[in-house]
Amino acid sequence: MRTRIKICGITRAEDLRAVADAGADAFGLVFYPPSPRCLTLERARGLNRAAPAFLTSVALFVNPTAGEVRQVIEAVQPQVLQFHGEETPGFCSGFGVPYIKACRVKPGVDLLEYWRPFSDASGWLADAWVEEYGGVGAGFDWSLVPAQREKPLVLSGGLAPGNVAEAIRRVKPWGVDVSSGVESAKGVKDAARIAAFVAEVRNADR
């Protein structure tokens, strides 16, 4: 099995090139205003149009309005939506675009019970529980992720080149999602760290 790789929080053309050159599978465009990685529609559209073939674009939201999501879909045309807030199953599935539903993990949260209503999702994402809804490099106890799951699982939260191989060996996710773990500053990716992250994932797969 080949673990899929998403590099989230892309804000610059040179970072998008680094993602493609390293051989990652997807890149994330953030539409959550409190995030330092949040993009304007114009900037996101330019990045998405610059992406090479077979590199998947993912639009990330936290508790958006339906109008905000539709605006992004129309202007940017992302291939996948990613919801990180308290969005309902009906909301997530109402746009005719494949989506991933995130759950912020902490002790006492039954992940399968949380995700089960999102049965039409393309994947489920496990992230650390933080007030900022991710992107701050916080990890969580990987043992809280159920071994048996009904959808492809994407692991996020505190991943970096130094720990992603161990995370893959322990959790066996379908994919991994990283943002701050490959940055030199908030919203500024480091090409060497992206390449190292991808290399560690490939080493773990072997």
N, C-alpha and C. Protein backbone atom coordinates (compact mmCIF):
# COMPACT_ATOMS: atom_id res chain seq x y z
N MET A 1 0.83 -1.20 0.00
CA MET A 1 0.00 0.00 0.00
C MET A 1 0.87 1.25 0.00
N ARG A 2 0.45 2.25 -0.77
CA ARG A 2 1.16 3.52 -0.81
C ARG A 2 0.37 4.56 -0.04
N THR A 3 0.97 5.12 0.98
CA THR A 3 0.31 6.15 1.79
C THR A 3 0.22 7.44 1.00
N ARG A 4 -0.97 7.98 0.88
CA ARG A 4 -1.15 9.24 0.17
C ARG A 4 -0.70 10.41 1.04
N ILE A 5 -0.25 11.49 0.40
CA ILE A 5 0.33 12.63 1.12
C ILE A 5 -0.34 13.92 0.69
N LYS A 6 -0.84 14.66 1.66
CA LYS A 6 -1.37 16.01 1.39
C LYS A 6 -0.55 17.02 2.17
N ILE A 7 -0.12 18.08 1.48
CA ILE A 7 0.57 19.20 2.10
C ILE A 7 -0.45 20.34 2.16
N CYS A 8 -0.84 20.74 3.36
CA CYS A 8 -1.92 21.71 3.52
C CYS A 8 -1.37 23.11 3.78
N GLY A 9 -2.24 24.10 3.56
CA GLY A 9 -1.87 25.47 3.86
C GLY A 9 -0.93 26.10 2.85
N ILE A 10 -1.10 25.76 1.58
CA ILE A 10 -0.25 26.34 0.54
C ILE A 10 -0.69 27.78 0.27
N THR A 11 0.29 28.69 0.28
CA THR A 11 -0.01 30.11 0.05
C THR A 11 0.83 30.72 -1.07
N ARG A 12 1.88 30.01 -1.52
CA ARG A 12 2.81 30.60 -2.49
C ARG A 12 3.05 29.63 -3.66
N ALA A 13 3.31 30.19 -4.82
CA ALA A 13 3.55 29.37 -6.01
C ALA A 13 4.78 28.49 -5.84
N GLU A 14 5.82 29.02 -5.20
CA GLU A 14 7.03 28.23 -5.03
C GLU A 14 6.81 27.04 -4.09
N ASP A 15 5.90 27.20 -3.14
CA ASP A 15 5.58 26.07 -2.25
C ASP A 15 4.78 25.01 -3.00
N LEU A 16 3.90 25.44 -3.88
CA LEU A 16 3.15 24.49 -4.70
C LEU A 16 4.11 23.69 -5.59
N ARG A 17 5.10 24.36 -6.15
CA ARG A 17 6.10 23.65 -6.98
C ARG A 17 6.87 22.63 -6.14
N ALA A 18 7.19 23.01 -4.91
CA ALA A 18 7.92 22.08 -4.03
C ALA A 18 7.08 20.85 -3.72
N VAL A 19 5.79 21.04 -3.53
CA VAL A 19 4.87 19.92 -3.29
C VAL A 19 4.87 18.98 -4.49
N ALA A 20 4.76 19.55 -5.67
CA ALA A 20 4.73 18.73 -6.89
C ALA A 20 6.07 18.03 -7.11
N ASP A 21 7.17 18.77 -6.94
CA ASP A 21 8.49 18.20 -7.17
C ASP A 21 8.80 17.05 -6.21
N ALA A 22 8.29 17.15 -4.97
CA ALA A 22 8.56 16.11 -3.97
C ALA A 22 7.75 14.85 -4.23
N GLY A 23 6.69 14.97 -5.02
CA GLY A 23 5.88 13.79 -5.32
C GLY A 23 4.70 13.58 -4.39
N ALA A 24 4.24 14.65 -3.72
CA ALA A 24 3.04 14.54 -2.89
C ALA A 24 1.82 14.37 -3.79
N ASP A 25 0.70 13.99 -3.19
CA ASP A 25 -0.50 13.69 -3.96
C ASP A 25 -1.51 14.82 -4.01
N ALA A 26 -1.50 15.69 -2.98
CA ALA A 26 -2.53 16.71 -2.88
C ALA A 26 -1.99 17.93 -2.14
N PHE A 27 -2.64 19.06 -2.35
CA PHE A 27 -2.30 20.28 -1.62
C PHE A 27 -3.57 20.93 -1.10
N GLY A 28 -3.46 21.59 0.04
CA GLY A 28 -4.61 22.19 0.68
C GLY A 28 -4.62 23.70 0.57
N LEU A 29 -5.79 24.25 0.27
CA LEU A 29 -6.03 25.69 0.21
C LEU A 29 -6.99 26.04 1.34
N VAL A 30 -6.58 26.92 2.23
CA VAL A 30 -7.35 27.20 3.45
C VAL A 30 -8.27 28.39 3.26
N PHE A 31 -9.55 28.20 3.66
CA PHE A 31 -10.55 29.26 3.61
C PHE A 31 -11.18 29.45 4.99
N TYR A 32 -10.32 29.60 5.98
CA TYR A 32 -10.73 29.82 7.37
C TYR A 32 -10.07 31.12 7.81
N PRO A 33 -10.82 32.22 7.87
CA PRO A 33 -10.23 33.55 8.07
C PRO A 33 -9.27 33.70 9.25
N PRO A 34 -9.48 33.05 10.41
CA PRO A 34 -8.50 33.22 11.49
C PRO A 34 -7.13 32.62 11.20
N SER A 35 -7.03 31.75 10.20
CA SER A 35 -5.76 31.09 9.91
C SER A 35 -4.80 32.03 9.18
N PRO A 36 -3.51 32.01 9.53
CA PRO A 36 -2.53 32.79 8.77
C PRO A 36 -2.34 32.27 7.35
N ARG A 37 -2.91 31.12 7.05
CA ARG A 37 -2.78 30.52 5.72
C ARG A 37 -4.03 30.76 4.86
N CYS A 38 -4.96 31.55 5.37
CA CYS A 38 -6.22 31.78 4.64
C CYS A 38 -5.94 32.56 3.35
N LEU A 39 -6.62 32.16 2.28
CA LEU A 39 -6.40 32.73 0.96
C LEU A 39 -7.60 33.54 0.48
N THR A 40 -7.33 34.52 -0.36
CA THR A 40 -8.41 35.17 -1.10
C THR A 40 -8.82 34.25 -2.24
N LEU A 41 -10.00 34.47 -2.77
CA LEU A 41 -10.45 33.66 -3.90
C LEU A 41 -9.51 33.81 -5.09
N GLU A 42 -9.06 35.02 -5.34
CA GLU A 42 -8.17 35.26 -6.47
C GLU A 42 -6.85 34.51 -6.32
N ARG A 43 -6.27 34.57 -5.11
CA ARG A 43 -5.01 33.88 -4.88
C ARG A 43 -5.18 32.37 -4.99
N ALA A 44 -6.24 31.85 -4.41
CA ALA A 44 -6.48 30.40 -4.46
C ALA A 44 -6.72 29.94 -5.89
N ARG A 45 -7.45 30.72 -6.66
CA ARG A 45 -7.70 30.36 -8.06
C ARG A 45 -6.39 30.29 -8.84
N GLY A 46 -5.51 31.26 -8.61
CA GLY A 46 -4.22 31.25 -9.30
C GLY A 46 -3.38 30.04 -8.95
N LEU A 47 -3.36 29.67 -7.67
CA LEU A 47 -2.60 28.50 -7.25
C LEU A 47 -3.19 27.23 -7.86
N ASN A 48 -4.50 27.11 -7.84
CA ASN A 48 -5.12 25.90 -8.37
C ASN A 48 -4.86 25.76 -9.86
N ARG A 49 -4.89 26.87 -10.57
CA ARG A 49 -4.65 26.81 -12.02
C ARG A 49 -3.19 26.48 -12.32
N ALA A 50 -2.29 26.81 -11.40
CA ALA A 50 -0.86 26.55 -11.61
C ALA A 50 -0.47 25.12 -11.27
N ALA A 51 -1.36 24.38 -10.64
CA ALA A 51 -1.03 23.02 -10.22
C ALA A 51 -0.90 22.09 -11.43
N PRO A 52 0.10 21.22 -11.44
CA PRO A 52 0.25 20.27 -12.55
C PRO A 52 -0.83 19.20 -12.52
N ALA A 53 -0.96 18.50 -13.61
CA ALA A 53 -1.95 17.42 -13.70
C ALA A 53 -1.68 16.35 -12.64
N PHE A 54 -2.75 15.77 -12.12
CA PHE A 54 -2.73 14.67 -11.16
C PHE A 54 -2.32 15.10 -9.75
N LEU A 55 -2.22 16.41 -9.49
CA LEU A 55 -2.01 16.91 -8.13
C LEU A 55 -3.35 17.46 -7.65
N THR A 56 -3.95 16.82 -6.67
CA THR A 56 -5.32 17.12 -6.24
C THR A 56 -5.38 18.36 -5.36
N SER A 57 -6.33 19.24 -5.65
CA SER A 57 -6.53 20.44 -4.84
C SER A 57 -7.67 20.20 -3.85
N VAL A 58 -7.43 20.59 -2.60
CA VAL A 58 -8.39 20.39 -1.52
C VAL A 58 -8.68 21.73 -0.85
N ALA A 59 -9.94 22.11 -0.78
CA ALA A 59 -10.35 23.36 -0.14
C ALA A 59 -10.79 23.07 1.28
N LEU A 60 -10.16 23.73 2.25
CA LEU A 60 -10.43 23.46 3.66
C LEU A 60 -11.29 24.56 4.27
N PHE A 61 -12.33 24.14 5.00
CA PHE A 61 -13.27 25.07 5.64
C PHE A 61 -13.45 24.71 7.11
N VAL A 62 -13.83 25.71 7.90
CA VAL A 62 -14.22 25.50 9.29
C VAL A 62 -15.53 26.25 9.52
N ASN A 63 -16.61 25.52 9.66
CA ASN A 63 -17.94 26.09 9.93
C ASN A 63 -18.30 27.22 8.96
N PRO A 64 -18.19 26.97 7.65
CA PRO A 64 -18.54 28.02 6.68
C PRO A 64 -20.04 28.09 6.47
N THR A 65 -20.50 29.12 5.81
CA THR A 65 -21.87 29.15 5.31
C THR A 65 -21.90 28.42 3.97
N ALA A 66 -23.08 28.01 3.57
CA ALA A 66 -23.20 27.34 2.27
C ALA A 66 -22.78 28.28 1.15
N GLY A 67 -23.10 29.56 1.31
CA GLY A 67 -22.73 30.53 0.29
C GLY A 67 -21.23 30.66 0.14
N GLU A 68 -20.51 30.61 1.26
CA GLU A 68 -19.05 30.70 1.20
C GLU A 68 -18.45 29.50 0.47
N VAL A 69 -18.98 28.32 0.74
CA VAL A 69 -18.47 27.12 0.07
C VAL A 69 -18.76 27.19 -1.44
N ARG A 70 -19.98 27.59 -1.78
CA ARG A 70 -20.33 27.67 -3.20
C ARG A 70 -19.47 28.70 -3.93
N GLN A 71 -19.15 29.78 -3.24
CA GLN A 71 -18.31 30.82 -3.84
C GLN A 71 -16.93 30.26 -4.17
N VAL A 72 -16.37 29.48 -3.26
CA VAL A 72 -15.06 28.87 -3.49
C VAL A 72 -15.15 27.85 -4.62
N ILE A 73 -16.18 27.03 -4.62
CA ILE A 73 -16.33 26.02 -5.67
C ILE A 73 -16.40 26.70 -7.04
N GLU A 74 -17.18 27.76 -7.15
CA GLU A 74 -17.34 28.44 -8.43
C GLU A 74 -16.06 29.14 -8.87
N ALA A 75 -15.39 29.81 -7.94
CA ALA A 75 -14.23 30.62 -8.31
C ALA A 75 -12.95 29.80 -8.43
N VAL A 76 -12.76 28.82 -7.55
CA VAL A 76 -11.49 28.10 -7.46
C VAL A 76 -11.55 26.72 -8.12
N GLN A 77 -12.71 26.07 -8.04
CA GLN A 77 -12.93 24.74 -8.60
C GLN A 77 -12.01 23.68 -7.97
N PRO A 78 -12.02 23.58 -6.64
CA PRO A 78 -11.23 22.53 -5.99
C PRO A 78 -11.81 21.16 -6.31
N GLN A 79 -10.97 20.15 -6.23
CA GLN A 79 -11.43 18.79 -6.54
C GLN A 79 -12.03 18.08 -5.33
N VAL A 80 -11.64 18.52 -4.13
CA VAL A 80 -12.13 17.91 -2.90
C VAL A 80 -12.38 19.03 -1.88
N LEU A 81 -13.40 18.85 -1.03
CA LEU A 81 -13.66 19.75 0.09
C LEU A 81 -13.26 19.06 1.38
N GLN A 82 -12.78 19.83 2.34
CA GLN A 82 -12.38 19.28 3.64
C GLN A 82 -13.01 20.14 4.72
N PHE A 83 -13.82 19.51 5.58
CA PHE A 83 -14.56 20.23 6.62
C PHE A 83 -14.00 19.89 7.99
N HIS A 84 -13.61 20.93 8.74
CA HIS A 84 -12.93 20.75 10.02
C HIS A 84 -13.75 21.20 11.22
N GLY A 85 -14.95 21.70 11.01
CA GLY A 85 -15.73 22.24 12.11
C GLY A 85 -16.84 21.31 12.55
N GLU A 86 -17.96 21.92 12.89
CA GLU A 86 -19.13 21.17 13.35
C GLU A 86 -20.18 21.04 12.26
N GLU A 87 -19.74 20.93 11.03
CA GLU A 87 -20.66 20.83 9.91
C GLU A 87 -21.46 19.51 10.00
N THR A 88 -22.70 19.56 9.54
CA THR A 88 -23.56 18.38 9.58
C THR A 88 -23.32 17.52 8.33
N PRO A 89 -23.73 16.24 8.40
CA PRO A 89 -23.60 15.39 7.20
C PRO A 89 -24.32 15.97 5.99
N GLY A 90 -25.53 16.48 6.20
CA GLY A 90 -26.27 17.04 5.08
C GLY A 90 -25.59 18.24 4.47
N PHE A 91 -24.97 19.05 5.31
CA PHE A 91 -24.25 20.22 4.81
C PHE A 91 -23.06 19.77 3.95
N CYS A 92 -22.26 18.85 4.47
CA CYS A 92 -21.04 18.42 3.77
C CYS A 92 -21.33 17.79 2.42
N SER A 93 -22.44 17.08 2.34
CA SER A 93 -22.76 16.35 1.11
C SER A 93 -23.60 17.17 0.14
N GLY A 94 -23.86 18.44 0.47
CA GLY A 94 -24.80 19.23 -0.31
C GLY A 94 -24.21 20.02 -1.47
N PHE A 95 -22.95 19.78 -1.82
CA PHE A 95 -22.32 20.61 -2.83
C PHE A 95 -21.92 19.86 -4.10
N GLY A 96 -22.15 18.56 -4.13
CA GLY A 96 -21.83 17.79 -5.32
C GLY A 96 -20.34 17.65 -5.57
N VAL A 97 -19.53 17.81 -4.52
CA VAL A 97 -18.08 17.69 -4.62
C VAL A 97 -17.63 16.68 -3.56
N PRO A 98 -16.72 15.75 -3.87
CA PRO A 98 -16.24 14.82 -2.85
C PRO A 98 -15.70 15.57 -1.65
N TYR A 99 -15.91 15.00 -0.45
CA TYR A 99 -15.45 15.71 0.75
C TYR A 99 -14.82 14.76 1.76
N ILE A 100 -14.00 15.37 2.61
CA ILE A 100 -13.37 14.70 3.75
C ILE A 100 -13.90 15.36 5.01
N LYS A 101 -14.25 14.56 6.01
CA LYS A 101 -14.72 15.12 7.29
C LYS A 101 -13.70 14.85 8.38
N ALA A 102 -13.27 15.92 9.02
CA ALA A 102 -12.29 15.83 10.10
C ALA A 102 -12.98 15.69 11.44
N CYS A 103 -12.32 14.98 12.33
CA CYS A 103 -12.72 14.91 13.73
C CYS A 103 -11.51 15.29 14.58
N ARG A 104 -11.70 16.22 15.49
CA ARG A 104 -10.63 16.61 16.40
C ARG A 104 -10.62 15.63 17.57
N VAL A 105 -9.51 14.97 17.74
CA VAL A 105 -9.42 13.83 18.63
C VAL A 105 -8.99 14.26 20.04
N LYS A 106 -9.69 13.74 21.02
CA LYS A 106 -9.29 13.88 22.42
C LYS A 106 -9.90 12.71 23.18
N PRO A 107 -9.37 12.39 24.36
CA PRO A 107 -9.93 11.27 25.13
C PRO A 107 -11.42 11.45 25.36
N GLY A 108 -12.15 10.36 25.20
CA GLY A 108 -13.59 10.39 25.40
C GLY A 108 -14.38 10.55 24.12
N VAL A 109 -13.72 10.92 23.02
CA VAL A 109 -14.40 11.06 21.74
C VAL A 109 -14.37 9.72 21.01
N ASP A 110 -15.55 9.19 20.68
CA ASP A 110 -15.65 7.95 19.91
C ASP A 110 -15.60 8.33 18.43
N LEU A 111 -14.46 8.10 17.80
CA LEU A 111 -14.29 8.56 16.43
C LEU A 111 -15.27 7.89 15.47
N LEU A 112 -15.46 6.60 15.61
CA LEU A 112 -16.36 5.91 14.69
C LEU A 112 -17.79 6.40 14.85
N GLU A 113 -18.21 6.65 16.09
CA GLU A 113 -19.55 7.18 16.32
C GLU A 113 -19.69 8.57 15.70
N TYR A 114 -18.63 9.37 15.81
CA TYR A 114 -18.66 10.71 15.23
C TYR A 114 -18.75 10.64 13.71
N TRP A 115 -17.93 9.77 13.10
CA TRP A 115 -17.84 9.72 11.65
C TRP A 115 -18.98 8.98 10.97
N ARG A 116 -19.61 8.05 11.67
CA ARG A 116 -20.56 7.16 11.00
C ARG A 116 -21.64 7.90 10.22
N PRO A 117 -22.19 9.03 10.72
CA PRO A 117 -23.20 9.74 9.92
C PRO A 117 -22.65 10.31 8.61
N PHE A 118 -21.33 10.45 8.52
CA PHE A 118 -20.71 10.96 7.30
C PHE A 118 -20.30 9.79 6.40
N SER A 119 -21.26 8.91 6.14
CA SER A 119 -20.97 7.67 5.43
C SER A 119 -20.69 7.89 3.95
N ASP A 120 -21.08 9.06 3.42
CA ASP A 120 -20.82 9.32 2.01
C ASP A 120 -19.54 10.12 1.80
N ALA A 121 -18.78 10.36 2.86
CA ALA A 121 -17.51 11.06 2.73
C ALA A 121 -16.51 10.23 1.94
N SER A 122 -15.60 10.90 1.26
CA SER A 122 -14.54 10.20 0.54
C SER A 122 -13.45 9.72 1.49
N GLY A 123 -13.39 10.34 2.67
CA GLY A 123 -12.42 9.94 3.68
C GLY A 123 -12.71 10.62 5.01
N TRP A 124 -12.17 10.05 6.06
CA TRP A 124 -12.27 10.61 7.41
C TRP A 124 -10.88 11.04 7.85
N LEU A 125 -10.79 12.19 8.49
CA LEU A 125 -9.50 12.73 8.92
C LEU A 125 -9.47 12.88 10.43
N ALA A 126 -8.42 12.36 11.05
CA ALA A 126 -8.22 12.48 12.50
C ALA A 126 -7.16 13.55 12.75
N ASP A 127 -7.52 14.57 13.54
CA ASP A 127 -6.62 15.67 13.84
C ASP A 127 -6.63 15.91 15.34
N ALA A 128 -5.65 16.66 15.82
CA ALA A 128 -5.58 16.98 17.25
C ALA A 128 -6.68 17.98 17.62
N TRP A 129 -7.19 17.85 18.84
CA TRP A 129 -8.18 18.81 19.32
C TRP A 129 -7.45 20.06 19.83
N VAL A 130 -7.64 21.16 19.11
CA VAL A 130 -7.09 22.45 19.53
C VAL A 130 -8.14 23.52 19.24
N GLU A 131 -8.11 24.58 20.00
CA GLU A 131 -9.07 25.67 19.81
C GLU A 131 -8.97 26.26 18.40
N GLU A 132 -7.77 26.25 17.83
CA GLU A 132 -7.53 26.90 16.53
C GLU A 132 -7.94 26.03 15.35
N TYR A 133 -8.51 24.86 15.59
CA TYR A 133 -8.92 23.95 14.52
C TYR A 133 -7.75 23.53 13.63
N GLY A 134 -6.62 23.24 14.25
CA GLY A 134 -5.49 22.67 13.50
C GLY A 134 -4.51 23.71 13.01
N GLY A 135 -3.44 23.20 12.39
CA GLY A 135 -2.44 24.07 11.80
C GLY A 135 -1.46 24.66 12.78
N VAL A 136 -1.40 24.10 14.02
CA VAL A 136 -0.49 24.66 15.03
C VAL A 136 0.56 23.64 15.47
N GLY A 137 0.59 22.49 14.82
CA GLY A 137 1.61 21.50 15.12
C GLY A 137 1.33 20.63 16.33
N ALA A 138 0.09 20.63 16.81
CA ALA A 138 -0.26 19.81 17.98
C ALA A 138 -0.56 18.38 17.56
N GLY A 139 -0.05 17.43 18.34
CA GLY A 139 -0.32 16.03 18.09
C GLY A 139 -1.35 15.47 19.04
N PHE A 140 -1.61 14.17 18.95
CA PHE A 140 -2.53 13.51 19.86
C PHE A 140 -2.12 12.05 19.99
N ASP A 141 -2.76 11.35 20.90
CA ASP A 141 -2.46 9.95 21.17
C ASP A 141 -2.98 9.08 20.02
N TRP A 142 -2.07 8.54 19.22
CA TRP A 142 -2.48 7.76 18.05
C TRP A 142 -3.25 6.49 18.43
N SER A 143 -3.11 6.03 19.66
CA SER A 143 -3.84 4.82 20.07
C SER A 143 -5.35 5.06 20.11
N LEU A 144 -5.77 6.32 20.07
CA LEU A 144 -7.20 6.63 20.08
C LEU A 144 -7.85 6.39 18.72
N VAL A 145 -7.05 6.19 17.68
CA VAL A 145 -7.59 5.95 16.34
C VAL A 145 -7.96 4.48 16.21
N PRO A 146 -9.21 4.17 15.88
CA PRO A 146 -9.62 2.76 15.78
C PRO A 146 -8.89 2.04 14.66
N ALA A 147 -8.54 0.79 14.91
CA ALA A 147 -7.84 -0.01 13.91
C ALA A 147 -8.74 -0.37 12.74
N GLN A 148 -10.02 -0.58 13.01
CA GLN A 148 -10.98 -0.91 11.97
C GLN A 148 -11.80 0.33 11.63
N ARG A 149 -11.81 0.73 10.37
CA ARG A 149 -12.59 1.89 9.96
C ARG A 149 -13.25 1.61 8.62
N GLU A 150 -14.35 2.27 8.40
CA GLU A 150 -15.17 1.99 7.23
C GLU A 150 -14.83 2.86 6.03
N LYS A 151 -13.99 3.86 6.22
CA LYS A 151 -13.60 4.78 5.16
C LYS A 151 -12.09 4.97 5.18
N PRO A 152 -11.50 5.43 4.07
CA PRO A 152 -10.07 5.76 4.10
C PRO A 152 -9.78 6.77 5.20
N LEU A 153 -8.77 6.49 6.02
CA LEU A 153 -8.42 7.37 7.13
C LEU A 153 -7.21 8.22 6.78
N VAL A 154 -7.33 9.51 7.01
CA VAL A 154 -6.23 10.45 6.84
C VAL A 154 -5.77 10.88 8.23
N LEU A 155 -4.49 10.75 8.50
CA LEU A 155 -3.94 11.12 9.81
C LEU A 155 -3.29 12.49 9.72
N SER A 156 -3.63 13.35 10.67
CA SER A 156 -3.06 14.68 10.72
C SER A 156 -2.74 15.01 12.17
N GLY A 157 -2.21 16.21 12.41
CA GLY A 157 -1.95 16.64 13.78
C GLY A 157 -0.54 16.38 14.25
N GLY A 158 0.31 17.40 14.20
CA GLY A 158 1.66 17.28 14.74
C GLY A 158 2.61 16.44 13.94
N LEU A 159 2.27 16.11 12.71
CA LEU A 159 3.17 15.30 11.89
C LEU A 159 4.31 16.15 11.34
N ALA A 160 5.47 15.53 11.16
CA ALA A 160 6.67 16.19 10.68
C ALA A 160 7.60 15.11 10.12
N PRO A 161 8.68 15.51 9.45
CA PRO A 161 9.60 14.48 8.92
C PRO A 161 10.12 13.53 10.00
N GLY A 162 10.26 14.00 11.21
CA GLY A 162 10.84 13.17 12.26
C GLY A 162 9.91 12.13 12.87
N ASN A 163 8.60 12.25 12.65
CA ASN A 163 7.69 11.28 13.28
C ASN A 163 6.70 10.63 12.34
N VAL A 164 6.66 11.05 11.07
CA VAL A 164 5.61 10.52 10.19
C VAL A 164 5.79 9.04 9.91
N ALA A 165 7.02 8.56 9.81
CA ALA A 165 7.22 7.13 9.55
C ALA A 165 6.67 6.29 10.70
N GLU A 166 6.95 6.71 11.94
CA GLU A 166 6.42 5.99 13.09
C GLU A 166 4.89 6.04 13.12
N ALA A 167 4.33 7.20 12.76
CA ALA A 167 2.87 7.33 12.72
C ALA A 167 2.26 6.35 11.72
N ILE A 168 2.89 6.21 10.57
CA ILE A 168 2.38 5.28 9.56
C ILE A 168 2.48 3.85 10.03
N ARG A 169 3.59 3.50 10.65
CA ARG A 169 3.75 2.12 11.15
C ARG A 169 2.71 1.79 12.23
N ARG A 170 2.39 2.76 13.07
CA ARG A 170 1.47 2.50 14.18
C ARG A 170 0.01 2.59 13.79
N VAL A 171 -0.35 3.58 12.97
CA VAL A 171 -1.77 3.83 12.66
C VAL A 171 -2.20 3.18 11.35
N LYS A 172 -1.26 3.03 10.42
CA LYS A 172 -1.56 2.48 9.09
C LYS A 172 -2.68 3.27 8.40
N PRO A 173 -2.51 4.58 8.27
CA PRO A 173 -3.55 5.38 7.62
C PRO A 173 -3.51 5.24 6.11
N TRP A 174 -4.60 5.59 5.47
CA TRP A 174 -4.64 5.63 4.01
C TRP A 174 -3.84 6.81 3.50
N GLY A 175 -3.83 7.92 4.29
CA GLY A 175 -3.10 9.10 3.89
C GLY A 175 -2.64 9.90 5.10
N VAL A 176 -1.71 10.82 4.90
CA VAL A 176 -1.24 11.72 5.95
C VAL A 176 -1.36 13.15 5.45
N ASP A 177 -1.58 14.07 6.39
CA ASP A 177 -1.83 15.48 6.08
C ASP A 177 -0.94 16.33 6.98
N VAL A 178 -0.12 17.19 6.39
CA VAL A 178 0.82 18.00 7.17
C VAL A 178 0.74 19.45 6.74
N SER A 179 0.95 20.36 7.70
CA SER A 179 1.01 21.78 7.37
C SER A 179 2.19 22.42 8.08
N SER A 180 2.04 22.70 9.38
CA SER A 180 3.10 23.41 10.11
C SER A 180 4.38 22.58 10.20
N GLY A 181 4.28 21.27 10.11
CA GLY A 181 5.45 20.40 10.23
C GLY A 181 6.43 20.51 9.08
N VAL A 182 6.04 21.21 8.00
CA VAL A 182 6.96 21.41 6.88
C VAL A 182 7.11 22.90 6.57
N GLU A 183 6.97 23.74 7.59
CA GLU A 183 7.05 25.18 7.41
C GLU A 183 8.30 25.77 8.05
N SER A 184 8.75 26.89 7.49
CA SER A 184 9.79 27.71 8.11
C SER A 184 9.18 28.86 8.88
N ALA A 185 7.94 29.22 8.54
CA ALA A 185 7.15 30.23 9.25
C ALA A 185 5.69 29.94 8.91
N LYS A 186 4.77 30.51 9.67
CA LYS A 186 3.36 30.22 9.42
C LYS A 186 2.97 30.64 8.01
N GLY A 187 2.52 29.67 7.23
CA GLY A 187 2.11 29.93 5.87
C GLY A 187 3.24 29.92 4.86
N VAL A 188 4.47 29.66 5.32
CA VAL A 188 5.62 29.61 4.43
C VAL A 188 6.23 28.22 4.50
N LYS A 189 6.12 27.47 3.43
CA LYS A 189 6.62 26.11 3.42
C LYS A 189 8.12 26.07 3.14
N ASP A 190 8.76 25.01 3.60
CA ASP A 190 10.18 24.78 3.41
C ASP A 190 10.34 23.61 2.46
N ALA A 191 10.91 23.85 1.29
CA ALA A 191 11.01 22.81 0.26
C ALA A 191 11.78 21.59 0.75
N ALA A 192 12.84 21.82 1.52
CA ALA A 192 13.64 20.69 2.02
C ALA A 192 12.84 19.85 3.00
N ARG A 193 12.04 20.50 3.84
CA ARG A 193 11.22 19.75 4.80
C ARG A 193 10.09 18.99 4.09
N ILE A 194 9.53 19.58 3.05
CA ILE A 194 8.52 18.86 2.26
C ILE A 194 9.14 17.61 1.65
N ALA A 195 10.32 17.76 1.03
CA ALA A 195 10.98 16.61 0.41
C ALA A 195 11.32 15.56 1.45
N ALA A 196 11.77 15.98 2.64
CA ALA A 196 12.12 15.03 3.70
C ALA A 196 10.87 14.30 4.20
N PHE A 197 9.77 15.03 4.32
CA PHE A 197 8.51 14.42 4.78
C PHE A 197 8.06 13.34 3.80
N VAL A 198 8.04 13.67 2.51
CA VAL A 198 7.63 12.70 1.50
C VAL A 198 8.57 11.50 1.50
N ALA A 199 9.86 11.73 1.64
CA ALA A 199 10.82 10.63 1.66
C ALA A 199 10.59 9.70 2.85
N GLU A 200 10.26 10.26 4.00
CA GLU A 200 10.01 9.45 5.18
C GLU A 200 8.73 8.62 5.01
N VAL A 201 7.74 9.19 4.37
CA VAL A 201 6.52 8.42 4.10
C VAL A 201 6.83 7.24 3.17
N ARG A 202 7.59 7.49 2.14
CA ARG A 202 7.93 6.42 1.19
C ARG A 202 8.79 5.34 1.86
N ASN A 203 9.69 5.77 2.73
CA ASN A 203 10.50 4.79 3.47
C ASN A 203 9.62 3.91 4.37
N ALA A 204 8.64 4.53 5.01
CA ALA A 204 7.73 3.76 5.87
C ALA A 204 6.91 2.78 5.04
N ASP A 205 6.51 3.18 3.86
CA ASP A 205 5.73 2.27 2.99
C ASP A 205 6.55 1.06 2.59
N ARG A 206 7.84 1.26 2.40
CA ARG A 206 8.70 0.14 1.99
C ARG A 206 8.99 -0.80 3.16
